Amino acid sequence: MRWPFQVCLVAFALSGCTGEQVQSATDSGAGSGDGAAADGADADAADAIVPDAASCTEPENLLKNGSFEDWVGTTAVGWRYDGTLIARRRDSGAAHCASWLEVERDCYPSVTQQVTFATPLPAGTVLQARVSGRWVSGIVEDEVVVEVVVDGEPSVPATRASLPSDGSWTEIGYERTLTKPASSATLYVGFDACEKQTIGLDRASLVVKK
């Protein structure tokens, strides 16, 4: 099913929030240098350890299982899928830690997670959302939509980003400033059109910006 709202590209006009788009490339490789043989052995031993969801949790991240390490069947724990899509766990080539979510999508899919605050966040709070995405196959031109929904009210405008056709990981971000107290926030990653495409998602986070 689709979200009951349409993401807009017009200038921000929604009462209750202000938004700022953020997008930057994410380094997917790690540098290497000369070292002693013992250092190399230690590095190999560390690489052999498969991280779990707890060790991959980033500080202050409000989302559960933001690195997609914890799964029950084809569902990443803490996440909701809507629309026409097939979800798969992938365990190599992650942007962060070991696993990532592969989404084979068709019409109006979305991947979301809602966070409920024990105490409402005050007006003026800035929520910062980020997720890493990569193109895998299918149409290249279609854009990924990332936004923060607060108490059921969508962000206007949302962040829209095309993923590089070389399959490299790209970080997509969004910031939303509350203009009234908020009891919940939802990270929304979705699409506006019916197109055949497979993408990857990893390293999702939602934090209160300091």
Protein backbone atom coordinates (compact mmCIF):
# COMPACT_ATOMS: atom_id res chain seq x y z
CA MET A 1 0.00 0.00 0.00
CA ARG A 2 1.08 3.57 -0.51
CA TRP A 3 1.58 6.10 2.19
CA PRO A 4 -1.47 8.32 2.47
CA PHE A 5 0.41 11.32 1.32
CA GLN A 6 2.28 12.47 -1.75
CA VAL A 7 5.82 13.72 -1.45
CA CYS A 8 6.02 17.23 -2.90
CA LEU A 9 8.79 19.05 -4.66
CA VAL A 10 7.43 22.51 -4.07
CA ALA A 11 8.90 24.95 -1.59
CA PHE A 12 8.26 24.10 2.06
CA ALA A 13 4.80 25.09 3.16
CA LEU A 14 3.73 22.50 5.72
CA SER A 15 2.99 23.75 9.23
CA GLY A 16 4.93 21.80 11.82
CA CYS A 17 8.39 21.46 10.29
CA THR A 18 11.17 22.88 8.22
CA GLY A 19 13.48 20.73 6.16
CA GLU A 20 16.95 20.78 4.68
CA GLN A 21 18.28 18.34 2.13
CA VAL A 22 21.68 16.76 2.66
CA GLN A 23 23.48 14.41 0.32
CA SER A 24 27.07 13.27 0.22
CA ALA A 25 29.11 10.41 -1.17
CA THR A 26 30.11 7.65 1.24
CA ASP A 27 33.56 6.11 1.04
CA SER A 28 33.02 2.40 0.49
CA GLY A 29 36.65 1.33 0.61
CA ALA A 30 39.22 1.16 3.38
CA GLY A 31 42.80 2.35 3.06
CA SER A 32 45.73 0.02 3.61
CA GLY A 33 49.38 0.48 4.35
CA ASP A 34 52.57 -1.43 5.09
CA GLY A 35 52.87 -2.97 8.52
CA ALA A 36 54.41 -5.80 10.48
CA ALA A 37 53.31 -9.37 9.83
CA ALA A 38 51.77 -9.54 13.28
CA ASP A 39 49.62 -6.52 12.51
CA GLY A 40 48.38 -8.19 9.33
CA ALA A 41 47.48 -11.34 11.25
CA ASP A 42 45.52 -9.30 13.77
CA ALA A 43 43.62 -7.57 10.96
CA ASP A 44 42.75 -10.92 9.35
CA ALA A 45 41.47 -12.23 12.67
CA ALA A 46 39.31 -9.13 13.14
CA ASP A 47 37.84 -9.49 9.64
CA ALA A 48 36.85 -13.06 10.45
CA ILE A 49 34.57 -11.90 13.27
CA VAL A 50 31.01 -11.42 12.07
CA PRO A 51 29.50 -8.42 13.89
CA ASP A 52 26.07 -8.69 15.47
CA ALA A 53 23.31 -6.08 15.60
CA ALA A 54 24.37 -4.80 19.02
CA SER A 55 27.98 -4.16 18.01
CA CYS A 56 26.83 -2.39 14.83
CA THR A 57 24.51 0.03 16.63
CA GLU A 58 25.76 3.58 16.25
CA PRO A 59 25.67 5.88 19.30
CA GLU A 60 22.50 7.94 19.74
CA ASN A 61 20.72 6.26 16.82
CA LEU A 62 17.01 6.15 17.64
CA LEU A 63 16.36 3.41 15.08
CA LYS A 64 16.45 -0.28 15.90
CA ASN A 65 18.69 -2.42 13.70
CA GLY A 66 19.77 0.51 11.55
CA SER A 67 22.56 -1.56 9.99
CA PHE A 68 20.20 -4.41 8.99
CA GLU A 69 22.13 -7.09 10.89
CA ASP A 70 19.17 -8.66 12.72
CA TRP A 71 16.60 -10.61 10.66
CA VAL A 72 13.58 -12.87 11.02
CA GLY A 73 13.15 -14.63 7.69
CA THR A 74 13.05 -11.95 4.98
CA THR A 75 12.18 -9.17 7.40
CA ALA A 76 14.80 -6.92 8.95
CA VAL A 77 13.86 -6.59 12.63
CA GLY A 78 12.30 -3.22 13.42
CA TRP A 79 11.48 -2.35 9.80
CA ARG A 80 8.21 -2.29 7.86
CA TYR A 81 7.79 -2.93 4.13
CA ASP A 82 4.87 -1.54 2.11
CA GLY A 83 3.93 -1.62 -1.56
CA THR A 84 5.18 -4.06 -4.17
CA LEU A 85 8.65 -5.26 -3.26
CA ILE A 86 10.79 -8.29 -2.51
CA ALA A 87 13.23 -7.92 0.40
CA ARG A 88 16.45 -9.92 0.72
CA ARG A 89 19.31 -10.04 3.17
CA ARG A 90 22.77 -9.61 1.66
CA ASP A 91 25.91 -10.43 3.61
CA SER A 92 28.73 -9.09 1.45
CA GLY A 93 29.66 -5.62 0.25
CA ALA A 94 27.84 -3.78 3.05
CA ALA A 95 28.26 -0.05 3.62
CA HIS A 96 28.47 -0.72 7.36
CA CYS A 97 29.11 -3.92 9.32
CA ALA A 98 28.16 -7.20 7.63
CA SER A 99 24.63 -7.14 6.20
CA TRP A 100 22.39 -4.88 4.12
CA LEU A 101 18.84 -4.85 2.78
CA GLU A 102 18.30 -5.50 -0.92
CA VAL A 103 14.94 -4.25 -2.22
CA GLU A 104 13.58 -5.46 -5.56
CA ARG A 105 10.73 -3.08 -6.15
CA ASP A 106 7.88 -2.36 -8.56
CA CYS A 107 5.02 0.00 -7.60
CA TYR A 108 5.19 2.56 -4.81
CA PRO A 109 7.22 0.59 -2.26
CA SER A 110 8.53 1.97 0.99
CA VAL A 111 10.77 0.87 3.85
CA THR A 112 9.99 2.59 7.13
CA GLN A 113 10.61 2.56 10.86
CA GLN A 114 8.67 4.52 13.46
CA VAL A 115 10.11 5.75 16.75
CA THR A 116 7.82 6.78 19.61
CA PHE A 117 9.21 9.19 22.20
CA ALA A 118 8.50 8.53 25.89
CA THR A 119 8.47 12.29 26.37
CA PRO A 120 7.44 14.48 23.40
CA LEU A 121 10.34 16.29 21.78
CA PRO A 122 10.03 20.08 22.15
CA ALA A 123 9.66 22.58 19.33
CA GLY A 124 13.03 23.57 17.93
CA THR A 125 14.44 20.04 18.05
CA VAL A 126 16.29 19.04 14.88
CA LEU A 127 15.92 15.43 13.72
CA GLN A 128 18.66 14.24 11.41
CA ALA A 129 18.05 11.19 9.20
CA ARG A 130 20.59 9.38 7.07
CA VAL A 131 20.61 6.19 5.00
CA SER A 132 23.12 4.71 2.57
CA GLY A 133 21.80 3.48 -0.77
CA ARG A 134 23.24 1.74 -3.80
CA TRP A 135 21.88 0.88 -7.24
CA VAL A 136 21.94 -2.86 -8.04
CA SER A 137 19.93 -3.35 -11.26
CA GLY A 138 17.03 -2.03 -13.33
CA ILE A 139 16.22 1.58 -14.13
CA VAL A 140 18.93 4.03 -13.09
CA GLU A 141 17.20 7.39 -13.40
CA ASP A 142 14.45 6.94 -10.81
CA GLU A 143 15.01 8.71 -7.50
CA VAL A 144 15.02 7.44 -3.93
CA VAL A 145 12.87 9.54 -1.59
CA VAL A 146 14.02 10.02 2.02
CA GLU A 147 12.07 11.97 4.61
CA VAL A 148 11.11 12.18 8.27
CA VAL A 149 7.39 11.90 9.04
CA VAL A 150 6.50 13.52 12.37
CA ASP A 151 3.21 12.57 14.07
CA GLY A 152 1.85 11.50 10.69
CA GLU A 153 2.81 14.73 8.90
CA PRO A 154 5.19 14.25 5.93
CA SER A 155 8.20 16.38 5.19
CA VAL A 156 7.91 18.95 2.41
CA PRO A 157 10.07 18.91 0.43
CA ALA A 158 11.66 15.49 0.88
CA THR A 159 15.19 14.59 -0.17
CA ARG A 160 15.37 12.96 -3.60
CA ALA A 161 18.52 11.32 -4.89
CA SER A 162 19.54 9.21 -7.89
CA LEU A 163 21.97 6.44 -7.05
CA PRO A 164 25.19 6.08 -9.11
CA SER A 165 25.02 3.43 -11.83
CA ASP A 166 28.38 2.00 -10.73
CA GLY A 167 26.74 0.49 -7.63
CA SER A 168 28.74 2.51 -5.11
CA TRP A 169 27.16 3.38 -1.78
CA THR A 170 25.82 6.94 -1.47
CA GLU A 171 24.70 8.56 1.77
CA ILE A 172 21.36 10.40 1.61
CA GLY A 173 20.34 12.68 4.44
CA TYR A 174 17.49 14.85 5.65
CA GLU A 175 17.04 17.26 8.53
CA ARG A 176 13.72 18.34 9.98
CA THR A 177 13.23 21.05 12.57
CA LEU A 178 10.18 20.69 14.78
CA THR A 179 7.97 23.76 15.12
CA LYS A 180 5.74 22.05 17.67
CA PRO A 181 6.17 19.16 20.14
CA ALA A 182 6.34 15.69 18.58
CA SER A 183 5.41 12.28 19.99
CA SER A 184 6.74 10.14 17.13
CA ALA A 185 8.94 10.23 14.06
CA THR A 186 9.24 7.83 11.12
CA LEU A 187 12.15 7.40 8.74
CA TYR A 188 10.61 6.88 5.30
CA VAL A 189 12.53 5.55 2.29
CA GLY A 190 10.42 5.10 -0.83
CA PHE A 191 9.65 5.85 -4.46
CA ASP A 192 6.96 7.77 -6.33
CA ALA A 193 6.61 5.66 -9.47
CA CYS A 194 6.13 2.11 -10.77
CA GLU A 195 9.51 1.06 -12.13
CA LYS A 196 11.51 -2.15 -12.09
CA GLN A 197 14.57 -1.55 -9.97
CA THR A 198 16.69 -3.26 -7.32
CA ILE A 199 18.57 -1.17 -4.77
CA GLY A 200 20.43 -1.70 -1.51
CA LEU A 201 19.90 0.09 1.81
CA ASP A 202 22.24 0.17 4.79
CA ARG A 203 23.42 2.29 7.73
CA ALA A 204 20.12 4.00 8.47
CA SER A 205 19.99 6.42 11.38
CA LEU A 206 17.72 8.94 13.03
CA VAL A 207 19.27 11.14 15.70
CA VAL A 208 18.52 14.30 17.61
CA LYS A 209 21.03 16.79 16.28
CA LYS A 210 23.08 18.44 18.99
